[in-house]
Amino acid sequence: MKRRTLPAAAAVAATAALLLTACGSGDDKASDNGKIAGSDQGTKTPTASASASGAPAADKPDGVDVSLPKDMNLVFDWDKPKDKNEAAAMEDAANYVRAIYQGIDKRTTKTAAVTTYSTGDGLRYAKAQISSRLDGDWTAIGTRRHYDATTRSASNGSSVEVDFCVDSSKFYSKEVKTGKVLKSAPSIADYDFFKIIMVKFPTGEALWQASKVYVEAKAAKCQ
């Protein structure tokens, strides 16, 4: 049976409140009155230092290694927004996703990338996702596509909502001990819709951190 690799374990205790449960409701708003959910969320200073690695410079935005193994392919098929802040927030939302899967690959929640690109509930979500794979002794393999991304800035200029679809139909869990790849027939369960609230790190030039994560599983609008 195929195992999902990001949203499948999102209902663990540490992140249950973060799940978007609006499936079929037709309500895709992050909050009422146009306010971005989590726009008042504070930031946390990254405490882990970037490790010296052999990753190419392109894999080290903000000096932090976000490289992944070749068989763990995360594709971000979206256009960069014209707004400078929204473009930076979108890129760091992608780095946040990379950081989670890097943690899964390295078998630890304590990576510089996770600490750098997340804070608050976003950090708890990242750690819970990584921990669930460690507990199951799984890693990931294949191609995970992220697409149909949109951005929306809060009026305070320090928060950006990044929404996107995910197609995991060619992305699988793999048992670390045996190397067995867990697959199943493609279905709507392969599609998810994400809302990530990115907040600007106050002392950084262009660093944004994921402060909240909302997931709509089995998202028909992403098929």
C-alpha atoms as a PDB file:
ATOM      1  CA  MET A   1       0.000   0.000   0.000  1.00  0.00           C
ATOM      2  CA  LYS A   2       1.289   3.444  -0.818  1.00  0.00           C
ATOM      3  CA  ARG A   3       1.994   5.688   2.144  1.00  0.00           C
ATOM      4  CA  ARG A   4       1.448   9.439   1.880  1.00  0.00           C
ATOM      5  CA  THR A   5       4.469  11.550   2.660  1.00  0.00           C
ATOM      6  CA  LEU A   6       3.425  14.951   3.997  1.00  0.00           C
ATOM      7  CA  PRO A   7      -0.231  15.478   4.846  1.00  0.00           C
ATOM      8  CA  ALA A   8      -1.026  11.881   5.772  1.00  0.00           C
ATOM      9  CA  ALA A   9       0.171  12.256   9.342  1.00  0.00           C
ATOM     10  CA  ALA A  10      -0.980  15.817   9.810  1.00  0.00           C
ATOM     11  CA  ALA A  11      -3.584  14.799  12.345  1.00  0.00           C
ATOM     12  CA  VAL A  12      -1.060  13.906  15.039  1.00  0.00           C
ATOM     13  CA  ALA A  13      -1.704  15.602  18.353  1.00  0.00           C
ATOM     14  CA  ALA A  14       0.872  18.340  17.925  1.00  0.00           C
ATOM     15  CA  THR A  15      -0.684  19.593  14.683  1.00  0.00           C
ATOM     16  CA  ALA A  16      -4.298  18.461  14.679  1.00  0.00           C
ATOM     17  CA  ALA A  17      -5.525  22.026  15.121  1.00  0.00           C
ATOM     18  CA  LEU A  18      -3.703  23.103  11.976  1.00  0.00           C
ATOM     19  CA  LEU A  19      -5.617  20.928   9.555  1.00  0.00           C
ATOM     20  CA  LEU A  20      -7.982  22.637   7.159  1.00  0.00           C
ATOM     21  CA  THR A  21     -11.247  20.680   7.340  1.00  0.00           C
ATOM     22  CA  ALA A  22     -13.151  22.588   4.676  1.00  0.00           C
ATOM     23  CA  CYS A  23     -13.280  19.718   2.194  1.00  0.00           C
ATOM     24  CA  GLY A  24     -16.415  20.150   0.153  1.00  0.00           C
ATOM     25  CA  SER A  25     -17.436  23.324   1.942  1.00  0.00           C
ATOM     26  CA  GLY A  26     -16.391  25.599  -0.895  1.00  0.00           C
ATOM     27  CA  ASP A  27     -14.802  27.965   1.620  1.00  0.00           C
ATOM     28  CA  ASP A  28     -11.156  28.456   0.693  1.00  0.00           C
ATOM     29  CA  LYS A  29     -10.655  31.630   2.705  1.00  0.00           C
ATOM     30  CA  ALA A  30      -7.852  31.619   5.275  1.00  0.00           C
ATOM     31  CA  SER A  31     -10.007  33.702   7.601  1.00  0.00           C
ATOM     32  CA  ASP A  32     -12.970  36.063   7.695  1.00  0.00           C
ATOM     33  CA  ASN A  33     -12.920  39.636   6.437  1.00  0.00           C
ATOM     34  CA  GLY A  34      -9.941  39.011   4.172  1.00  0.00           C
ATOM     35  CA  LYS A  35      -7.443  38.875   7.055  1.00  0.00           C
ATOM     36  CA  ILE A  36      -4.680  36.335   6.572  1.00  0.00           C
ATOM     37  CA  ALA A  37      -4.743  33.706   9.279  1.00  0.00           C
ATOM     38  CA  GLY A  38      -1.665  33.981  11.458  1.00  0.00           C
ATOM     39  CA  SER A  39      -0.719  37.458  10.226  1.00  0.00           C
ATOM     40  CA  ASP A  40       0.018  38.433  13.825  1.00  0.00           C
ATOM     41  CA  GLN A  41       2.186  35.363  14.397  1.00  0.00           C
ATOM     42  CA  GLY A  42       5.595  36.180  15.824  1.00  0.00           C
ATOM     43  CA  THR A  43       8.912  34.834  14.593  1.00  0.00           C
ATOM     44  CA  LYS A  44      11.539  32.800  16.353  1.00  0.00           C
ATOM     45  CA  THR A  45      15.233  33.353  15.894  1.00  0.00           C
ATOM     46  CA  PRO A  46      16.890  30.443  14.087  1.00  0.00           C
ATOM     47  CA  THR A  47      19.071  28.729  16.669  1.00  0.00           C
ATOM     48  CA  ALA A  48      20.754  26.029  14.594  1.00  0.00           C
ATOM     49  CA  SER A  49      23.756  27.012  12.553  1.00  0.00           C
ATOM     50  CA  ALA A  50      23.992  25.967   8.931  1.00  0.00           C
ATOM     51  CA  SER A  51      26.116  22.886   8.608  1.00  0.00           C
ATOM     52  CA  ALA A  52      29.049  22.853   6.255  1.00  0.00           C
ATOM     53  CA  SER A  53      28.089  20.476   3.488  1.00  0.00           C
ATOM     54  CA  GLY A  54      29.044  19.674  -0.057  1.00  0.00           C
ATOM     55  CA  ALA A  55      25.770  21.027  -1.431  1.00  0.00           C
ATOM     56  CA  PRO A  56      26.029  23.406  -4.399  1.00  0.00           C
ATOM     57  CA  ALA A  57      25.541  27.118  -3.698  1.00  0.00           C
ATOM     58  CA  ALA A  58      22.089  26.935  -5.328  1.00  0.00           C
ATOM     59  CA  ASP A  59      21.070  24.506  -2.575  1.00  0.00           C
ATOM     60  CA  LYS A  60      22.071  26.973   0.141  1.00  0.00           C
ATOM     61  CA  PRO A  61      19.664  29.919   0.131  1.00  0.00           C
ATOM     62  CA  ASP A  62      20.354  32.138   3.161  1.00  0.00           C
ATOM     63  CA  GLY A  63      23.508  30.067   3.658  1.00  0.00           C
ATOM     64  CA  VAL A  64      21.472  27.047   4.766  1.00  0.00           C
ATOM     65  CA  ASP A  65      21.688  23.622   3.139  1.00  0.00           C
ATOM     66  CA  VAL A  66      18.317  22.501   1.740  1.00  0.00           C
ATOM     67  CA  SER A  67      19.695  19.867  -0.618  1.00  0.00           C
ATOM     68  CA  LEU A  68      17.924  16.538  -1.085  1.00  0.00           C
ATOM     69  CA  PRO A  69      18.988  13.165  -2.499  1.00  0.00           C
ATOM     70  CA  LYS A  70      18.435  12.710  -6.230  1.00  0.00           C
ATOM     71  CA  ASP A  71      15.685  10.135  -5.731  1.00  0.00           C
ATOM     72  CA  MET A  72      13.650  12.600  -3.623  1.00  0.00           C
ATOM     73  CA  ASN A  73      12.520  15.063  -6.283  1.00  0.00           C
ATOM     74  CA  LEU A  74      10.434  18.071  -5.201  1.00  0.00           C
ATOM     75  CA  VAL A  75       9.192  20.057  -8.208  1.00  0.00           C
ATOM     76  CA  PHE A  76       7.874  23.601  -7.701  1.00  0.00           C
ATOM     77  CA  ASP A  77       6.005  24.304 -10.913  1.00  0.00           C
ATOM     78  CA  TRP A  78       4.948  27.890 -10.337  1.00  0.00           C
ATOM     79  CA  ASP A  79       5.700  31.442 -11.473  1.00  0.00           C
ATOM     80  CA  LYS A  80       7.412  33.945  -9.215  1.00  0.00           C
ATOM     81  CA  PRO A  81       5.160  36.855  -8.167  1.00  0.00           C
ATOM     82  CA  LYS A  82       6.133  40.375  -9.190  1.00  0.00           C
ATOM     83  CA  ASP A  83       5.897  41.642  -5.626  1.00  0.00           C
ATOM     84  CA  LYS A  84       9.313  41.331  -3.955  1.00  0.00           C
ATOM     85  CA  ASN A  85       8.006  40.197  -0.577  1.00  0.00           C
ATOM     86  CA  GLU A  86       5.581  37.695  -2.063  1.00  0.00           C
ATOM     87  CA  ALA A  87       8.313  36.262  -4.290  1.00  0.00           C
ATOM     88  CA  ALA A  88      10.644  35.848  -1.298  1.00  0.00           C
ATOM     89  CA  ALA A  89       7.877  34.322   0.837  1.00  0.00           C
ATOM     90  CA  MET A  90       6.976  31.864  -1.937  1.00  0.00           C
ATOM     91  CA  GLU A  91      10.587  30.781  -2.345  1.00  0.00           C
ATOM     92  CA  ASP A  92      10.995  30.236   1.382  1.00  0.00           C
ATOM     93  CA  ALA A  93       7.710  28.300   1.494  1.00  0.00           C
ATOM     94  CA  ALA A  94       9.376  25.955  -0.992  1.00  0.00           C
ATOM     95  CA  ASN A  95      12.478  25.874   1.211  1.00  0.00           C
ATOM     96  CA  TYR A  96      10.253  24.992   4.166  1.00  0.00           C
ATOM     97  CA  VAL A  97       8.904  21.971   2.289  1.00  0.00           C
ATOM     98  CA  ARG A  98      12.449  21.018   1.277  1.00  0.00           C
ATOM     99  CA  ALA A  99      13.539  21.333   4.909  1.00  0.00           C
ATOM    100  CA  ILE A 100      10.876  18.863   6.045  1.00  0.00           C
ATOM    101  CA  TYR A 101      11.946  16.256   3.519  1.00  0.00           C
ATOM    102  CA  GLN A 102      15.610  16.867   4.247  1.00  0.00           C
ATOM    103  CA  GLY A 103      14.820  16.100   7.892  1.00  0.00           C
ATOM    104  CA  ILE A 104      13.053  12.912   6.810  1.00  0.00           C
ATOM    105  CA  ASP A 105      16.080  11.934   4.727  1.00  0.00           C
ATOM    106  CA  LYS A 106      18.579  12.765   7.471  1.00  0.00           C
ATOM    107  CA  ARG A 107      16.356  11.111  10.120  1.00  0.00           C
ATOM    108  CA  THR A 108      16.260  14.105  12.446  1.00  0.00           C
ATOM    109  CA  THR A 109      14.062  17.074  13.331  1.00  0.00           C
ATOM    110  CA  LYS A 110      17.109  19.101  14.344  1.00  0.00           C
ATOM    111  CA  THR A 111      18.378  20.467  11.054  1.00  0.00           C
ATOM    112  CA  ALA A 112      19.428  24.042  10.350  1.00  0.00           C
ATOM    113  CA  ALA A 113      16.894  24.203   7.504  1.00  0.00           C
ATOM    114  CA  VAL A 114      13.901  23.293   9.689  1.00  0.00           C
ATOM    115  CA  THR A 115      14.915  25.856  12.308  1.00  0.00           C
ATOM    116  CA  THR A 116      15.581  28.542   9.726  1.00  0.00           C
ATOM    117  CA  TYR A 117      12.424  28.247   7.634  1.00  0.00           C
ATOM    118  CA  SER A 118       9.789  27.668  10.329  1.00  0.00           C
ATOM    119  CA  THR A 119       8.529  29.133  13.581  1.00  0.00           C
ATOM    120  CA  GLY A 120       5.636  28.612  15.990  1.00  0.00           C
ATOM    121  CA  ASP A 121       2.993  26.222  14.662  1.00  0.00           C
ATOM    122  CA  GLY A 122       4.947  25.865  11.422  1.00  0.00           C
ATOM    123  CA  LEU A 123       7.913  24.501  13.367  1.00  0.00           C
ATOM    124  CA  ARG A 124       5.705  22.119  15.329  1.00  0.00           C
ATOM    125  CA  TYR A 125       4.107  20.893  12.095  1.00  0.00           C
ATOM    126  CA  ALA A 126       7.501  20.279  10.470  1.00  0.00           C
ATOM    127  CA  LYS A 127       8.785  18.341  13.470  1.00  0.00           C
ATOM    128  CA  ALA A 128       5.598  16.264  13.667  1.00  0.00           C
ATOM    129  CA  GLN A 129       5.805  15.360   9.975  1.00  0.00           C
ATOM    130  CA  ILE A 130       9.430  14.306  10.287  1.00  0.00           C
ATOM    131  CA  SER A 131       8.841  12.420  13.548  1.00  0.00           C
ATOM    132  CA  SER A 132       5.964  10.421  12.064  1.00  0.00           C
ATOM    133  CA  ARG A 133       8.305   9.112   9.358  1.00  0.00           C
ATOM    134  CA  LEU A 134      11.006   8.357  11.873  1.00  0.00           C
ATOM    135  CA  ASP A 135       8.509   6.407  13.989  1.00  0.00           C
ATOM    136  CA  GLY A 136       7.360   4.448  10.934  1.00  0.00           C
ATOM    137  CA  ASP A 137      10.958   4.006   9.746  1.00  0.00           C
ATOM    138  CA  TRP A 138      10.065   5.461   6.333  1.00  0.00           C
ATOM    139  CA  THR A 139      11.784   7.853   3.986  1.00  0.00           C
ATOM    140  CA  ALA A 140      10.464   9.123   0.633  1.00  0.00           C
ATOM    141  CA  ILE A 141      11.227   8.497  -3.034  1.00  0.00           C
ATOM    142  CA  GLY A 142       9.885   9.766  -6.349  1.00  0.00           C
ATOM    143  CA  THR A 143       8.555  13.102  -7.610  1.00  0.00           C
ATOM    144  CA  ARG A 144       6.259  15.409  -5.656  1.00  0.00           C
ATOM    145  CA  ARG A 145       4.816  18.269  -7.708  1.00  0.00           C
ATOM    146  CA  HIS A 146       3.743  21.630  -6.279  1.00  0.00           C
ATOM    147  CA  TYR A 147       1.686  23.858  -8.592  1.00  0.00           C
ATOM    148  CA  ASP A 148      -1.123  26.420  -9.021  1.00  0.00           C
ATOM    149  CA  ALA A 149       0.479  28.648  -6.396  1.00  0.00           C
ATOM    150  CA  THR A 150      -0.958  32.003  -5.370  1.00  0.00           C
ATOM    151  CA  THR A 151       0.171  34.585  -2.832  1.00  0.00           C
ATOM    152  CA  ARG A 152      -1.629  37.181  -0.765  1.00  0.00           C
ATOM    153  CA  SER A 153      -0.004  39.826   1.439  1.00  0.00           C
ATOM    154  CA  ALA A 154      -1.297  41.031   4.780  1.00  0.00           C
ATOM    155  CA  SER A 155      -1.796  44.764   5.195  1.00  0.00           C
ATOM    156  CA  ASN A 156       1.027  44.939   7.735  1.00  0.00           C
ATOM    157  CA  GLY A 157       3.546  43.864   5.089  1.00  0.00           C
ATOM    158  CA  SER A 158       5.099  41.232   7.329  1.00  0.00           C
ATOM    159  CA  SER A 159       2.918  38.243   6.458  1.00  0.00           C
ATOM    160  CA  VAL A 160       2.185  36.465   3.170  1.00  0.00           C
ATOM    161  CA  GLU A 161      -0.197  33.577   2.565  1.00  0.00           C
ATOM    162  CA  VAL A 162       1.179  31.075   0.046  1.00  0.00           C
ATOM    163  CA  ASP A 163      -1.407  28.629  -1.356  1.00  0.00           C
ATOM    164  CA  PHE A 164      -0.635  25.729  -3.655  1.00  0.00           C
ATOM    165  CA  CYS A 165      -1.669  22.270  -4.809  1.00  0.00           C
ATOM    166  CA  VAL A 166       0.362  19.113  -4.346  1.00  0.00           C
ATOM    167  CA  ASP A 167       0.372  15.995  -6.529  1.00  0.00           C
ATOM    168  CA  SER A 168       1.959  13.013  -4.763  1.00  0.00           C
ATOM    169  CA  SER A 169       0.790  10.368  -7.247  1.00  0.00           C
ATOM    170  CA  LYS A 170       4.419   9.613  -8.155  1.00  0.00           C
ATOM    171  CA  PHE A 171       5.857  10.129  -4.682  1.00  0.00           C
ATOM    172  CA  TYR A 172       6.075   7.184  -2.303  1.00  0.00           C
ATOM    173  CA  SER A 173       7.236   6.165   1.121  1.00  0.00           C
ATOM    174  CA  LYS A 174      10.123   3.724   1.309  1.00  0.00           C
ATOM    175  CA  GLU A 175      10.974   1.479   4.212  1.00  0.00           C
ATOM    176  CA  VAL A 176      14.408   2.478   5.467  1.00  0.00           C
ATOM    177  CA  LYS A 177      15.335  -0.947   6.758  1.00  0.00           C
ATOM    178  CA  THR A 178      14.226  -3.030   3.760  1.00  0.00           C
ATOM    179  CA  GLY A 179      14.299  -0.465   0.933  1.00  0.00           C
ATOM    180  CA  LYS A 180      10.776  -1.542  -0.074  1.00  0.00           C
ATOM    181  CA  VAL A 181       8.811   1.172  -1.906  1.00  0.00           C
ATOM    182  CA  LEU A 182       5.160   1.354  -0.796  1.00  0.00           C
ATOM    183  CA  LYS A 183       2.849   2.011  -3.754  1.00  0.00           C
ATOM    184  CA  SER A 184      -0.874   1.983  -4.468  1.00  0.00           C
ATOM    185  CA  ALA A 185      -3.114   2.908  -7.376  1.00  0.00           C
ATOM    186  CA  PRO A 186      -3.383   6.679  -8.025  1.00  0.00           C
ATOM    187  CA  SER A 187      -6.440   8.286  -6.421  1.00  0.00           C
ATOM    188  CA  ILE A 188      -7.798  11.569  -5.107  1.00  0.00           C
ATOM    189  CA  ALA A 189      -5.837  10.841  -1.925  1.00  0.00           C
ATOM    190  CA  ASP A 190      -2.735  11.875  -3.900  1.00  0.00           C
ATOM    191  CA  TYR A 191      -3.915  15.500  -4.105  1.00  0.00           C
ATOM    192  CA  ASP A 192      -3.754  18.095  -1.347  1.00  0.00           C
ATOM    193  CA  PHE A 193      -4.212  21.842  -1.055  1.00  0.00           C
ATOM    194  CA  PHE A 194      -1.880  23.794   1.212  1.00  0.00           C
ATOM    195  CA  LYS A 195      -2.068  27.219   2.814  1.00  0.00           C
ATOM    196  CA  ILE A 196       1.181  28.273   4.470  1.00  0.00           C
ATOM    197  CA  ILE A 197       1.384  31.538   6.384  1.00  0.00           C
ATOM    198  CA  MET A 198       4.865  32.960   5.918  1.00  0.00           C
ATOM    199  CA  VAL A 199       6.096  35.681   8.285  1.00  0.00           C
ATOM    200  CA  LYS A 200       9.072  37.933   7.667  1.00  0.00           C
ATOM    201  CA  PHE A 201      12.029  37.370   9.949  1.00  0.00           C
ATOM    202  CA  PRO A 202      12.500  40.807  11.567  1.00  0.00           C
ATOM    203  CA  THR A 203      16.284  41.006  11.363  1.00  0.00           C
ATOM    204  CA  GLY A 204      16.709  39.326   7.991  1.00  0.00           C
ATOM    205  CA  GLU A 205      16.854  41.007   4.614  1.00  0.00           C
ATOM    206  CA  ALA A 206      14.638  38.509   2.813  1.00  0.00           C
ATOM    207  CA  LEU A 207      14.106  35.524   5.122  1.00  0.00           C
ATOM    208  CA  TRP A 208      10.534  34.285   5.611  1.00  0.00           C
ATOM    209  CA  GLN A 209       9.413  31.556   7.991  1.00  0.00           C
ATOM    210  CA  ALA A 210       6.373  29.271   7.916  1.00  0.00           C
ATOM    211  CA  SER A 211       4.302  30.141  10.985  1.00  0.00           C
ATOM    212  CA  LYS A 212       1.118  28.182  10.258  1.00  0.00           C
ATOM    213  CA  VAL A 213       0.186  25.322   7.929  1.00  0.00           C
ATOM    214  CA  TYR A 214      -3.315  24.359   6.787  1.00  0.00           C
ATOM    215  CA  VAL A 215      -3.918  21.232   4.703  1.00  0.00           C
ATOM    216  CA  GLU A 216      -6.998  20.198   2.754  1.00  0.00           C
ATOM    217  CA  ALA A 217      -6.567  16.507   1.997  1.00  0.00           C
ATOM    218  CA  LYS A 218      -8.143  14.777  -1.017  1.00  0.00           C
ATOM    219  CA  ALA A 219      -8.497  18.152  -2.743  1.00  0.00           C
ATOM    220  CA  ALA A 220     -10.572  17.643  -5.890  1.00  0.00           C
ATOM    221  CA  LYS A 221      -9.705  21.172  -7.072  1.00  0.00           C
ATOM    222  CA  CYS A 222      -6.084  20.080  -7.442  1.00  0.00           C
ATOM    223  CA  GLN A 223      -6.803  17.202  -9.827  1.00  0.00           C
END
